[in-house]
Amino acid sequence: MTSEARPTPRAERDPAIDALRGLCLLGIALVNVPWIGSPRSLAAYLFDEELFAATPIWDLAAATLIEWTSEGKFYPQFSALFGFGAGVLMARGWGIYTRRIVVLFLFGVLHACFGWWGDILLNYALVGACLPLLYLLPERALLGFSILTLIAGCALSYLYDGWLVPDLEGDAEYIAENIRIYGSGSFWEVSVHRAEDILHFFDPWNRSYRMNTLTMASFGLWVERAGLLNDLSTKRKQLGIAAIVLCSLGLVMSLGPWLYILGGDVLGMGWAALFLWVATGRHRARLLVLAPVGRMAITAYLLQTVVFTLTFYAYGLGFYGLFGPLAGAFLALGVWWIEVGLARIWLDHFALGPVEWLWRSLTYWKLIPMRRSSGAAAP
């Protein structure tokens, strides 16, 4: 193992993996819009009797579909892909990997304070700091670790997650505070509020989510170590079988909140297997249109935050709490589809997304060539 990592040449990247990241960005957008733009979660529309009765049928349908198919199903995919990518980097050297994690941590803190409190980058950075220790484990031990942390995450969810034992009084106070801050606060007031939320990073209601990120990242690291995604075109039958089994189980598990963590992981991996099965077949070219935005995943993720917060918060258009679940879904879909088009245009001229370029430059502590003509490699 060398002490310095080399960039990943584009020829070594499987575009189907990048396209899967691109699809995950849609799932993340669908889930994040209600959290960013409303004081109430989608689950509240389904489990709060008064809100349920007052909500139009189309909004209830949208909330049900997103909760069933997307909530808690796409961050496990992203976490697994993060662990998969970390394995590739660590195989090339520790030095660059460590600096990339430090820079990612800084990105996460800035995003959590000045973008959205539900930031995932900070979580990935902390998990990424643990992965070098897991990388030293044998494959079986690594898979065993993933299983053990999955069990722990399920236990934490059962013990602490609020949808099992709702705190109605606490929820009312939380909703009132969010309406006041996000509905009328200045950018500075909102940023202070977001910074305070970082202090709740390991609060009980957050613990199952943090643990499950570690579970899926370590699982992704195991997938990379085991070479399960090498030569995908030769594994189409296995992907199809996995998709049928995992999607069937996951959809059943996700019918209620009691198996939220396990059902989310199973269905998330089912969606990934289904996508890769299609992406290795005759419709491959159609799905690979998502590869460019997948290569710019951090840029696209942060751009979504900018658009959604400017849409909803008082320092932007001020639509906080005014979008129902269906309108929020259309907003998410529209922003994601625009990102798909912009990414294709951008990567026709540049080798890296803007944030990916900054991440790479800060990691290597020098300005990385950005123009495609310069021969810069994709991250």
Protein backbone atom coordinates (compact mmCIF):
# COMPACT_ATOMS: atom_id res chain seq x y z
CA MET A 1 0.00 0.00 0.00
CA THR A 2 1.38 3.39 -0.96
CA SER A 3 1.24 6.49 1.21
CA GLU A 4 -0.41 8.62 -1.47
CA ALA A 5 -3.61 7.89 -3.36
CA ARG A 6 -3.87 8.47 -7.06
CA PRO A 7 -7.01 9.93 -8.64
CA THR A 8 -9.53 7.49 -10.04
CA PRO A 9 -9.31 7.53 -13.84
CA ARG A 10 -12.69 7.76 -15.53
CA ALA A 11 -12.04 4.52 -17.37
CA GLU A 12 -11.95 2.66 -14.03
CA ARG A 13 -15.33 3.97 -12.89
CA ASP A 14 -18.38 1.86 -13.62
CA PRO A 15 -20.96 4.38 -14.86
CA ALA A 16 -23.76 2.21 -13.46
CA ILE A 17 -22.50 2.95 -9.93
CA ASP A 18 -22.43 6.66 -10.69
CA ALA A 19 -25.94 6.40 -12.14
CA LEU A 20 -27.11 4.69 -8.93
CA ARG A 21 -25.78 7.66 -6.97
CA GLY A 22 -27.75 9.87 -9.32
CA LEU A 23 -30.96 7.97 -8.59
CA CYS A 24 -30.27 8.15 -4.84
CA LEU A 25 -30.20 11.94 -5.12
CA LEU A 26 -33.85 11.82 -6.19
CA GLY A 27 -34.77 9.69 -3.19
CA ILE A 28 -32.87 12.03 -0.86
CA ALA A 29 -34.65 15.06 -2.35
CA LEU A 30 -38.10 13.48 -1.97
CA VAL A 31 -37.41 12.76 1.69
CA ASN A 32 -35.62 16.01 2.55
CA VAL A 33 -38.14 18.49 1.12
CA PRO A 34 -40.76 17.80 3.85
CA TRP A 35 -38.10 17.98 6.57
CA ILE A 36 -36.74 21.28 5.25
CA GLY A 37 -39.99 22.90 4.18
CA SER A 38 -42.51 21.87 6.82
CA PRO A 39 -42.70 21.76 10.62
CA ARG A 40 -44.35 18.34 10.32
CA SER A 41 -42.85 15.12 9.03
CA LEU A 42 -44.62 13.01 6.42
CA ALA A 43 -45.30 10.43 9.11
CA ALA A 44 -47.35 13.03 11.00
CA TYR A 45 -49.80 13.20 8.09
CA LEU A 46 -50.41 9.48 8.49
CA PHE A 47 -50.37 8.99 12.27
CA ASP A 48 -51.77 12.29 13.62
CA GLU A 49 -55.56 11.80 13.51
CA GLU A 50 -56.44 15.50 13.28
CA LEU A 51 -53.88 16.22 10.57
CA PHE A 52 -54.90 13.09 8.67
CA ALA A 53 -58.55 14.15 8.63
CA ALA A 54 -57.69 17.65 7.39
CA THR A 55 -55.31 16.55 4.61
CA PRO A 56 -56.48 16.13 0.98
CA ILE A 57 -56.42 12.59 -0.39
CA TRP A 58 -53.70 13.41 -2.93
CA ASP A 59 -51.38 14.63 -0.19
CA LEU A 60 -52.09 11.54 1.90
CA ALA A 61 -51.31 9.37 -1.11
CA ALA A 62 -48.02 11.20 -1.72
CA ALA A 63 -47.05 10.99 1.95
CA THR A 64 -47.87 7.28 2.07
CA LEU A 65 -45.91 6.48 -1.08
CA ILE A 66 -42.81 8.42 -0.03
CA GLU A 67 -42.88 7.03 3.51
CA TRP A 68 -43.31 3.49 2.21
CA THR A 69 -40.79 3.52 -0.63
CA SER A 70 -38.27 6.28 0.14
CA GLU A 71 -38.07 7.42 3.76
CA GLY A 72 -35.07 5.67 5.31
CA LYS A 73 -34.37 3.74 2.07
CA PHE A 74 -31.94 5.99 0.20
CA TYR A 75 -29.51 7.15 2.88
CA PRO A 76 -28.57 3.47 3.47
CA GLN A 77 -27.71 3.24 -0.24
CA PHE A 78 -25.61 6.39 -0.07
CA SER A 79 -23.93 5.11 3.10
CA ALA A 80 -23.09 1.81 1.42
CA LEU A 81 -21.73 3.65 -1.62
CA PHE A 82 -19.66 5.83 0.72
CA GLY A 83 -18.17 2.75 2.35
CA PHE A 84 -17.59 1.20 -1.06
CA GLY A 85 -15.72 4.30 -2.25
CA ALA A 86 -13.75 4.50 0.99
CA GLY A 87 -12.54 0.95 0.43
CA VAL A 88 -11.26 1.91 -3.02
CA LEU A 89 -9.41 4.91 -1.59
CA MET A 90 -7.91 3.08 1.38
CA ALA A 91 -6.62 0.38 -0.93
CA ARG A 92 -4.45 3.07 -2.51
CA GLY A 93 -3.14 4.74 0.62
CA TRP A 94 -3.98 6.27 3.99
CA GLY A 95 -2.63 9.80 3.64
CA ILE A 96 -4.98 11.17 1.02
CA TYR A 97 -7.92 9.28 2.51
CA THR A 98 -7.37 10.90 5.92
CA ARG A 99 -7.19 14.39 4.43
CA ARG A 100 -10.35 13.78 2.38
CA ILE A 101 -12.23 12.81 5.55
CA VAL A 102 -11.01 15.92 7.38
CA VAL A 103 -12.18 18.16 4.53
CA LEU A 104 -15.51 16.30 4.39
CA PHE A 105 -15.93 16.96 8.11
CA LEU A 106 -15.44 20.70 7.52
CA PHE A 107 -17.95 20.63 4.67
CA GLY A 108 -20.43 18.89 6.96
CA VAL A 109 -20.08 21.45 9.76
CA LEU A 110 -20.53 24.36 7.34
CA HIS A 111 -23.53 22.72 5.69
CA ALA A 112 -25.17 21.89 9.01
CA CYS A 113 -24.77 25.49 10.24
CA PHE A 114 -25.49 27.45 7.09
CA GLY A 115 -27.50 24.97 5.01
CA TRP A 116 -29.64 22.40 6.82
CA TRP A 117 -29.45 20.75 10.23
CA GLY A 118 -30.19 17.33 8.66
CA ASP A 119 -26.76 17.28 6.99
CA ILE A 120 -25.34 13.84 6.15
CA LEU A 121 -21.76 14.85 5.30
CA LEU A 122 -20.77 15.30 8.94
CA ASN A 123 -22.12 11.85 9.68
CA TYR A 124 -20.14 10.36 6.80
CA ALA A 125 -16.97 12.06 8.00
CA LEU A 126 -17.31 10.59 11.49
CA VAL A 127 -18.11 7.16 10.07
CA GLY A 128 -15.22 7.57 7.63
CA ALA A 129 -12.88 8.09 10.54
CA CYS A 130 -13.87 4.63 11.84
CA LEU A 131 -13.54 2.77 8.55
CA PRO A 132 -9.71 2.47 8.53
CA LEU A 133 -9.97 0.29 11.65
CA LEU A 134 -12.64 -1.84 10.00
CA TYR A 135 -10.57 -2.09 6.83
CA LEU A 136 -8.02 -4.15 8.78
CA LEU A 137 -10.61 -6.81 9.62
CA PRO A 138 -10.93 -10.01 7.59
CA GLU A 139 -13.93 -10.09 5.25
CA ARG A 140 -16.03 -12.35 7.48
CA ALA A 141 -15.32 -10.24 10.55
CA LEU A 142 -16.24 -7.09 8.63
CA LEU A 143 -19.57 -8.59 7.58
CA GLY A 144 -20.13 -9.75 11.16
CA PHE A 145 -19.51 -6.21 12.39
CA SER A 146 -22.14 -4.90 9.96
CA ILE A 147 -24.67 -7.43 11.23
CA LEU A 148 -23.95 -6.61 14.88
CA THR A 149 -24.31 -2.87 14.32
CA LEU A 150 -27.53 -3.50 12.41
CA ILE A 151 -28.92 -5.34 15.44
CA ALA A 152 -27.77 -2.46 17.65
CA GLY A 153 -29.40 0.09 15.34
CA CYS A 154 -32.69 -1.81 15.41
CA ALA A 155 -32.55 -1.93 19.21
CA LEU A 156 -31.83 1.80 19.42
CA SER A 157 -34.73 2.49 17.06
CA TYR A 158 -37.09 0.44 19.21
CA LEU A 159 -35.91 2.14 22.41
CA TYR A 160 -35.68 5.76 21.34
CA ASP A 161 -37.34 6.57 18.01
CA GLY A 162 -40.29 8.87 18.60
CA TRP A 163 -42.80 7.30 16.21
CA LEU A 164 -43.13 4.32 18.54
CA VAL A 165 -44.00 6.44 21.60
CA PRO A 166 -44.86 9.96 20.32
CA ASP A 167 -44.13 12.95 22.57
CA LEU A 168 -47.09 15.10 21.55
CA GLU A 169 -46.29 17.95 23.92
CA GLY A 170 -42.65 18.02 22.86
CA ASP A 171 -43.65 17.82 19.19
CA ALA A 172 -45.97 20.82 19.60
CA GLU A 173 -43.18 22.90 21.13
CA TYR A 174 -40.78 21.82 18.37
CA ILE A 175 -43.29 22.72 15.65
CA ALA A 176 -43.99 26.15 17.16
CA GLU A 177 -40.29 26.94 17.43
CA ASN A 178 -39.58 25.89 13.86
CA ILE A 179 -42.48 27.95 12.51
CA ARG A 180 -41.16 30.99 14.35
CA ILE A 181 -37.51 30.56 13.29
CA TYR A 182 -37.88 29.33 9.73
CA GLY A 183 -41.04 31.27 8.96
CA SER A 184 -39.83 34.71 10.06
CA GLY A 185 -36.18 34.51 11.15
CA SER A 186 -33.24 36.17 9.42
CA PHE A 187 -30.45 34.15 7.83
CA TRP A 188 -28.35 34.66 10.96
CA GLU A 189 -31.15 33.61 13.32
CA VAL A 190 -31.81 30.48 11.26
CA SER A 191 -28.07 29.68 11.14
CA VAL A 192 -27.76 30.01 14.93
CA HIS A 193 -30.76 27.69 15.30
CA ARG A 194 -29.12 25.16 12.97
CA ALA A 195 -25.82 25.38 14.84
CA GLU A 196 -27.63 24.63 18.09
CA ASP A 197 -29.13 21.55 16.48
CA ILE A 198 -25.61 20.14 15.97
CA LEU A 199 -25.40 19.84 19.76
CA HIS A 200 -28.18 17.25 19.51
CA PHE A 201 -26.13 15.12 17.12
CA PHE A 202 -26.10 12.10 19.46
CA ASP A 203 -29.42 12.68 21.19
CA PRO A 204 -31.45 9.49 21.70
CA TRP A 205 -33.69 10.08 18.66
CA ASN A 206 -30.60 10.35 16.47
CA ARG A 207 -28.76 7.26 17.66
CA SER A 208 -30.37 4.61 15.48
CA TYR A 209 -29.76 6.76 12.39
CA ARG A 210 -26.08 7.31 13.28
CA MET A 211 -25.58 3.63 14.03
CA ASN A 212 -27.26 2.57 10.80
CA THR A 213 -24.99 4.84 8.77
CA LEU A 214 -22.05 2.96 10.26
CA THR A 215 -23.81 -0.34 9.50
CA MET A 216 -24.32 0.43 5.84
CA ALA A 217 -20.92 2.06 5.35
CA SER A 218 -19.21 -1.00 6.78
CA PHE A 219 -21.44 -3.17 4.60
CA GLY A 220 -20.39 -1.15 1.55
CA LEU A 221 -16.76 -1.60 2.57
CA TRP A 222 -17.37 -5.36 2.75
CA VAL A 223 -18.98 -5.31 -0.70
CA GLU A 224 -15.89 -3.57 -2.08
CA ARG A 225 -13.52 -5.99 -0.34
CA ALA A 226 -15.49 -8.98 -1.58
CA GLY A 227 -15.55 -7.62 -5.15
CA LEU A 228 -19.32 -8.08 -5.42
CA LEU A 229 -19.72 -5.14 -7.81
CA ASN A 230 -16.85 -6.06 -10.10
CA ASP A 231 -17.90 -6.95 -13.66
CA LEU A 232 -21.56 -6.19 -13.05
CA SER A 233 -22.56 -7.31 -16.52
CA THR A 234 -21.67 -10.89 -15.58
CA LYS A 235 -23.83 -10.80 -12.44
CA ARG A 236 -27.16 -9.76 -13.90
CA LYS A 237 -28.95 -12.96 -12.85
CA GLN A 238 -27.77 -12.59 -9.23
CA LEU A 239 -28.82 -8.93 -9.24
CA GLY A 240 -32.29 -9.89 -10.49
CA ILE A 241 -32.76 -12.52 -7.80
CA ALA A 242 -31.52 -10.12 -5.11
CA ALA A 243 -33.88 -7.41 -6.38
CA ILE A 244 -36.94 -9.68 -6.23
CA VAL A 245 -36.17 -11.05 -2.77
CA LEU A 246 -35.03 -7.79 -1.15
CA CYS A 247 -37.73 -5.58 -2.66
CA SER A 248 -40.47 -8.05 -1.66
CA LEU A 249 -39.21 -8.36 1.90
CA GLY A 250 -38.46 -4.65 2.22
CA LEU A 251 -41.86 -3.50 1.03
CA VAL A 252 -43.56 -5.78 3.57
CA MET A 253 -41.23 -4.69 6.38
CA SER A 254 -41.84 -1.03 5.54
CA LEU A 255 -45.63 -1.22 5.97
CA GLY A 256 -45.25 0.02 9.56
CA PRO A 257 -42.68 1.85 11.70
CA TRP A 258 -41.69 -1.12 13.84
CA LEU A 259 -39.03 -2.41 11.43
CA TYR A 260 -37.98 1.03 10.21
CA ILE A 261 -34.21 0.40 10.27
CA LEU A 262 -34.21 -3.19 9.00
CA GLY A 263 -36.94 -2.57 6.44
CA GLY A 264 -35.19 0.55 5.18
CA ASP A 265 -31.89 -1.23 4.70
CA VAL A 266 -33.45 -4.25 3.02
CA LEU A 267 -35.61 -2.21 0.65
CA GLY A 268 -32.78 0.23 -0.03
CA MET A 269 -30.52 -2.61 -1.11
CA GLY A 270 -33.43 -4.03 -3.11
CA TRP A 271 -33.86 -0.77 -5.02
CA ALA A 272 -30.10 -0.70 -5.66
CA ALA A 273 -30.09 -4.28 -6.96
CA LEU A 274 -33.11 -3.58 -9.16
CA PHE A 275 -31.51 -0.46 -10.61
CA LEU A 276 -28.22 -2.24 -11.33
CA TRP A 277 -30.11 -5.17 -12.88
CA VAL A 278 -31.83 -2.78 -15.30
CA ALA A 279 -28.59 -0.83 -15.84
CA THR A 280 -26.81 -3.99 -16.99
CA GLY A 281 -29.51 -4.85 -19.52
CA ARG A 282 -30.83 -3.40 -22.75
CA HIS A 283 -32.01 -0.19 -21.07
CA ARG A 284 -28.52 0.57 -19.80
CA ALA A 285 -28.04 3.64 -22.02
CA ARG A 286 -31.26 5.23 -20.76
CA LEU A 287 -30.28 4.89 -17.12
CA LEU A 288 -26.68 6.01 -17.62
CA VAL A 289 -28.03 9.49 -18.29
CA LEU A 290 -27.96 9.72 -14.48
CA ALA A 291 -24.23 9.01 -14.26
CA PRO A 292 -23.05 12.65 -14.60
CA VAL A 293 -25.13 13.89 -11.68
CA GLY A 294 -23.95 10.85 -9.71
CA ARG A 295 -20.36 11.90 -10.33
CA MET A 296 -21.28 15.33 -8.93
CA ALA A 297 -23.26 13.92 -5.99
CA ILE A 298 -21.96 16.28 -3.29
CA THR A 299 -22.44 19.33 -5.50
CA ALA A 300 -25.99 18.21 -6.33
CA TYR A 301 -26.78 17.41 -2.69
CA LEU A 302 -25.63 20.84 -1.51
CA LEU A 303 -27.41 22.57 -4.40
CA GLN A 304 -30.64 20.91 -3.33
CA THR A 305 -30.19 22.43 0.12
CA VAL A 306 -29.64 25.88 -1.37
CA VAL A 307 -32.75 25.66 -3.56
CA PHE A 308 -35.01 24.15 -0.91
CA THR A 309 -33.99 26.54 1.90
CA LEU A 310 -34.35 29.57 -0.37
CA THR A 311 -37.79 28.29 -1.35
CA PHE A 312 -39.05 27.75 2.17
CA TYR A 313 -37.21 29.96 4.66
CA ALA A 314 -38.02 33.58 5.47
CA TYR A 315 -34.72 34.88 4.03
CA GLY A 316 -35.84 33.42 0.67
CA LEU A 317 -39.35 33.04 -0.74
CA GLY A 318 -40.85 32.25 2.65
CA PHE A 319 -43.04 29.27 1.72
CA TYR A 320 -42.31 27.41 4.97
CA GLY A 321 -45.19 25.12 5.88
CA LEU A 322 -47.19 26.00 2.75
CA PHE A 323 -46.31 22.98 0.57
CA GLY A 324 -48.23 19.76 1.05
CA PRO A 325 -46.58 16.38 0.44
CA LEU A 326 -47.58 16.26 -3.24
CA ALA A 327 -46.35 19.76 -4.03
CA GLY A 328 -43.12 18.99 -2.17
CA ALA A 329 -42.66 15.83 -4.24
CA PHE A 330 -43.08 17.79 -7.47
CA LEU A 331 -40.55 20.35 -6.26
CA ALA A 332 -38.05 17.61 -5.42
CA LEU A 333 -38.56 15.89 -8.76
CA GLY A 334 -38.22 19.15 -10.69
CA VAL A 335 -35.03 20.25 -8.96
CA TRP A 336 -33.49 16.80 -9.36
CA TRP A 337 -34.33 16.64 -13.07
CA ILE A 338 -32.80 20.08 -13.63
CA GLU A 339 -29.69 18.87 -11.82
CA VAL A 340 -29.51 15.85 -14.13
CA GLY A 341 -29.45 18.16 -17.14
CA LEU A 342 -27.03 20.67 -15.63
CA ALA A 343 -24.61 17.92 -14.63
CA ARG A 344 -24.45 16.62 -18.20
CA ILE A 345 -23.73 20.12 -19.51
CA TRP A 346 -21.15 20.80 -16.80
CA LEU A 347 -19.22 17.57 -17.32
CA ASP A 348 -19.13 18.17 -21.06
CA HIS A 349 -16.66 20.95 -20.20
CA PHE A 350 -15.20 20.05 -16.81
CA ALA A 351 -13.77 16.90 -15.24
CA LEU A 352 -15.17 17.55 -11.76
CA GLY A 353 -18.19 19.10 -10.11
CA PRO A 354 -17.49 22.42 -8.35
CA VAL A 355 -17.59 21.02 -4.81
CA GLU A 356 -15.78 17.86 -5.87
CA TRP A 357 -13.05 20.08 -7.36
CA LEU A 358 -12.79 22.05 -4.11
CA TRP A 359 -12.71 18.81 -2.09
CA ARG A 360 -9.95 17.40 -4.29
CA SER A 361 -7.95 20.65 -4.25
CA LEU A 362 -8.11 21.00 -0.47
CA THR A 363 -7.19 17.35 -0.09
CA TYR A 364 -4.08 17.64 -2.24
CA TRP A 365 -3.49 21.23 -1.04
CA LYS A 366 -3.12 22.47 -4.60
CA LEU A 367 -5.41 23.63 -7.39
CA ILE A 368 -6.46 20.58 -9.39
CA PRO A 369 -7.00 21.18 -13.13
CA MET A 370 -10.72 21.35 -13.74
CA ARG A 371 -11.14 21.51 -17.50
CA ARG A 372 -11.69 18.20 -19.26
CA SER A 373 -9.09 19.16 -21.82
CA SER A 374 -6.50 19.27 -19.04
CA GLY A 375 -6.90 15.53 -18.47
CA ALA A 376 -8.14 15.90 -14.91
CA ALA A 377 -9.65 12.75 -13.53
CA ALA A 378 -12.97 12.24 -11.93
CA PRO A 379 -12.95 11.90 -8.15
